[in-house]
Amino acid sequence: MSTNELTKKIKALKELQALMEEAQAEADAIKDELKAYMIETGTEEMSVDVFKVRYLVVKSSRFDAAAFKRTHADLYAQYTRPTETRRFTVA
């Protein structure tokens, strides 16, 4: 690919990413409004037209790797392994 083609593709990518971020922000704002309404009305589940909306408390237990590493560094080191990934960025 030529430099011109690469520049065009990167510009198109940046424009699309900006559109996605804008759309995500808009979607998040709508979700926040719905959540606020549900909290205000004390509703965990509601049916609206053909939609069912839920905003439920979900409880879970998660392994605290940082605390385990502090208290059992030798075991932590024994059961961890290095990984390799690739990260794509355009600045």
C-alpha atoms as a PDB file:
ATOM      1  CA  MET A   1       0.000   0.000   0.000  1.00  0.00           C
ATOM      2  CA  SER A   2       1.194   3.483  -0.731  1.00  0.00           C
ATOM      3  CA  THR A   3       1.508   6.188   1.908  1.00  0.00           C
ATOM      4  CA  ASN A   4      -1.545   7.938   0.433  1.00  0.00           C
ATOM      5  CA  GLU A   5      -3.643   4.780   0.695  1.00  0.00           C
ATOM      6  CA  LEU A   6      -2.488   4.157   4.249  1.00  0.00           C
ATOM      7  CA  THR A   7      -3.273   7.743   5.241  1.00  0.00           C
ATOM      8  CA  LYS A   8      -6.789   7.472   3.748  1.00  0.00           C
ATOM      9  CA  LYS A   9      -7.435   4.198   5.569  1.00  0.00           C
ATOM     10  CA  ILE A  10      -6.189   5.573   8.889  1.00  0.00           C
ATOM     11  CA  LYS A  11      -8.327   8.712   8.508  1.00  0.00           C
ATOM     12  CA  ALA A  12     -11.369   6.566   7.708  1.00  0.00           C
ATOM     13  CA  LEU A  13     -10.624   4.397  10.726  1.00  0.00           C
ATOM     14  CA  LYS A  14     -10.339   7.427  13.020  1.00  0.00           C
ATOM     15  CA  GLU A  15     -13.641   8.839  11.707  1.00  0.00           C
ATOM     16  CA  LEU A  16     -15.424   5.533  12.255  1.00  0.00           C
ATOM     17  CA  GLN A  17     -13.957   5.216  15.754  1.00  0.00           C
ATOM     18  CA  ALA A  18     -15.196   8.729  16.576  1.00  0.00           C
ATOM     19  CA  LEU A  19     -18.691   7.789  15.345  1.00  0.00           C
ATOM     20  CA  MET A  20     -18.626   4.617  17.445  1.00  0.00           C
ATOM     21  CA  GLU A  21     -17.566   6.549  20.549  1.00  0.00           C
ATOM     22  CA  GLU A  22     -20.344   9.097  19.965  1.00  0.00           C
ATOM     23  CA  ALA A  23     -22.931   6.351  19.508  1.00  0.00           C
ATOM     24  CA  GLN A  24     -21.668   4.521  22.615  1.00  0.00           C
ATOM     25  CA  ALA A  25     -21.886   7.715  24.676  1.00  0.00           C
ATOM     26  CA  GLU A  26     -25.443   8.262  23.457  1.00  0.00           C
ATOM     27  CA  ALA A  27     -26.412   4.663  24.263  1.00  0.00           C
ATOM     28  CA  ASP A  28     -24.834   4.943  27.720  1.00  0.00           C
ATOM     29  CA  ALA A  29     -26.785   8.135  28.411  1.00  0.00           C
ATOM     30  CA  ILE A  30     -30.054   6.406  27.496  1.00  0.00           C
ATOM     31  CA  LYS A  31     -29.177   3.420  29.691  1.00  0.00           C
ATOM     32  CA  ASP A  32     -28.404   5.771  32.574  1.00  0.00           C
ATOM     33  CA  GLU A  33     -31.807   7.451  32.169  1.00  0.00           C
ATOM     34  CA  LEU A  34     -33.578   4.088  32.198  1.00  0.00           C
ATOM     35  CA  LYS A  35     -31.607   2.932  35.250  1.00  0.00           C
ATOM     36  CA  ALA A  36     -32.362   6.177  37.096  1.00  0.00           C
ATOM     37  CA  TYR A  37     -36.070   5.766  36.331  1.00  0.00           C
ATOM     38  CA  MET A  38     -36.036   2.190  37.573  1.00  0.00           C
ATOM     39  CA  ILE A  39     -34.232   3.150  40.790  1.00  0.00           C
ATOM     40  CA  GLU A  40     -36.607   6.089  41.324  1.00  0.00           C
ATOM     41  CA  THR A  41     -39.642   3.849  40.930  1.00  0.00           C
ATOM     42  CA  GLY A  42     -38.134   0.919  42.826  1.00  0.00           C
ATOM     43  CA  THR A  43     -38.482  -1.340  39.793  1.00  0.00           C
ATOM     44  CA  GLU A  44     -36.129  -4.199  38.985  1.00  0.00           C
ATOM     45  CA  GLU A  45     -38.039  -5.415  35.944  1.00  0.00           C
ATOM     46  CA  MET A  46     -40.530  -3.784  33.622  1.00  0.00           C
ATOM     47  CA  SER A  47     -42.295  -4.628  30.395  1.00  0.00           C
ATOM     48  CA  VAL A  48     -42.607  -1.838  27.875  1.00  0.00           C
ATOM     49  CA  ASP A  49     -44.359  -2.698  24.608  1.00  0.00           C
ATOM     50  CA  VAL A  50     -42.457  -5.761  23.321  1.00  0.00           C
ATOM     51  CA  PHE A  51     -39.411  -5.102  25.530  1.00  0.00           C
ATOM     52  CA  LYS A  52     -38.524  -6.473  28.934  1.00  0.00           C
ATOM     53  CA  VAL A  53     -36.059  -4.300  30.852  1.00  0.00           C
ATOM     54  CA  ARG A  54     -34.232  -5.558  33.925  1.00  0.00           C
ATOM     55  CA  TYR A  55     -31.899  -3.768  36.309  1.00  0.00           C
ATOM     56  CA  LEU A  56     -31.064  -6.367  38.913  1.00  0.00           C
ATOM     57  CA  VAL A  57     -28.509  -6.714  41.669  1.00  0.00           C
ATOM     58  CA  VAL A  58     -26.132  -9.526  40.784  1.00  0.00           C
ATOM     59  CA  LYS A  59     -23.906 -10.974  43.493  1.00  0.00           C
ATOM     60  CA  SER A  60     -20.739 -12.890  42.729  1.00  0.00           C
ATOM     61  CA  SER A  61     -17.526 -14.029  44.342  1.00  0.00           C
ATOM     62  CA  ARG A  62     -14.235 -13.362  42.624  1.00  0.00           C
ATOM     63  CA  PHE A  63     -10.737 -14.532  43.299  1.00  0.00           C
ATOM     64  CA  ASP A  64      -8.561 -11.718  44.700  1.00  0.00           C
ATOM     65  CA  ALA A  65      -5.302 -12.392  42.874  1.00  0.00           C
ATOM     66  CA  ALA A  66      -3.582  -9.320  44.318  1.00  0.00           C
ATOM     67  CA  ALA A  67      -4.266 -10.384  47.909  1.00  0.00           C
ATOM     68  CA  PHE A  68      -3.215 -13.967  47.117  1.00  0.00           C
ATOM     69  CA  LYS A  69       0.015 -12.701  45.578  1.00  0.00           C
ATOM     70  CA  ARG A  70       0.768 -10.631  48.703  1.00  0.00           C
ATOM     71  CA  THR A  71       0.186 -13.509  51.111  1.00  0.00           C
ATOM     72  CA  HIS A  72       1.380 -16.449  48.980  1.00  0.00           C
ATOM     73  CA  ALA A  73       3.975 -15.046  46.572  1.00  0.00           C
ATOM     74  CA  ASP A  74       5.666 -18.420  46.064  1.00  0.00           C
ATOM     75  CA  LEU A  75       2.441 -20.191  45.067  1.00  0.00           C
ATOM     76  CA  TYR A  76       1.415 -17.260  42.914  1.00  0.00           C
ATOM     77  CA  ALA A  77       4.720 -17.423  41.027  1.00  0.00           C
ATOM     78  CA  GLN A  78       4.390 -21.192  40.662  1.00  0.00           C
ATOM     79  CA  TYR A  79       0.977 -20.940  38.970  1.00  0.00           C
ATOM     80  CA  THR A  80       1.424 -17.893  36.769  1.00  0.00           C
ATOM     81  CA  ARG A  81       2.828 -17.948  33.292  1.00  0.00           C
ATOM     82  CA  PRO A  82       3.881 -15.208  30.895  1.00  0.00           C
ATOM     83  CA  THR A  83       1.580 -14.474  27.997  1.00  0.00           C
ATOM     84  CA  GLU A  84       2.081 -12.570  24.798  1.00  0.00           C
ATOM     85  CA  THR A  85      -0.504 -10.531  22.929  1.00  0.00           C
ATOM     86  CA  ARG A  86      -0.485  -7.932  20.201  1.00  0.00           C
ATOM     87  CA  ARG A  87      -1.957  -4.480  20.696  1.00  0.00           C
ATOM     88  CA  PHE A  88      -3.004  -2.338  17.720  1.00  0.00           C
ATOM     89  CA  THR A  89      -3.095   1.437  18.274  1.00  0.00           C
ATOM     90  CA  VAL A  90      -3.312   4.462  16.045  1.00  0.00           C
ATOM     91  CA  ALA A  91      -2.279   7.755  17.612  1.00  0.00           C
END
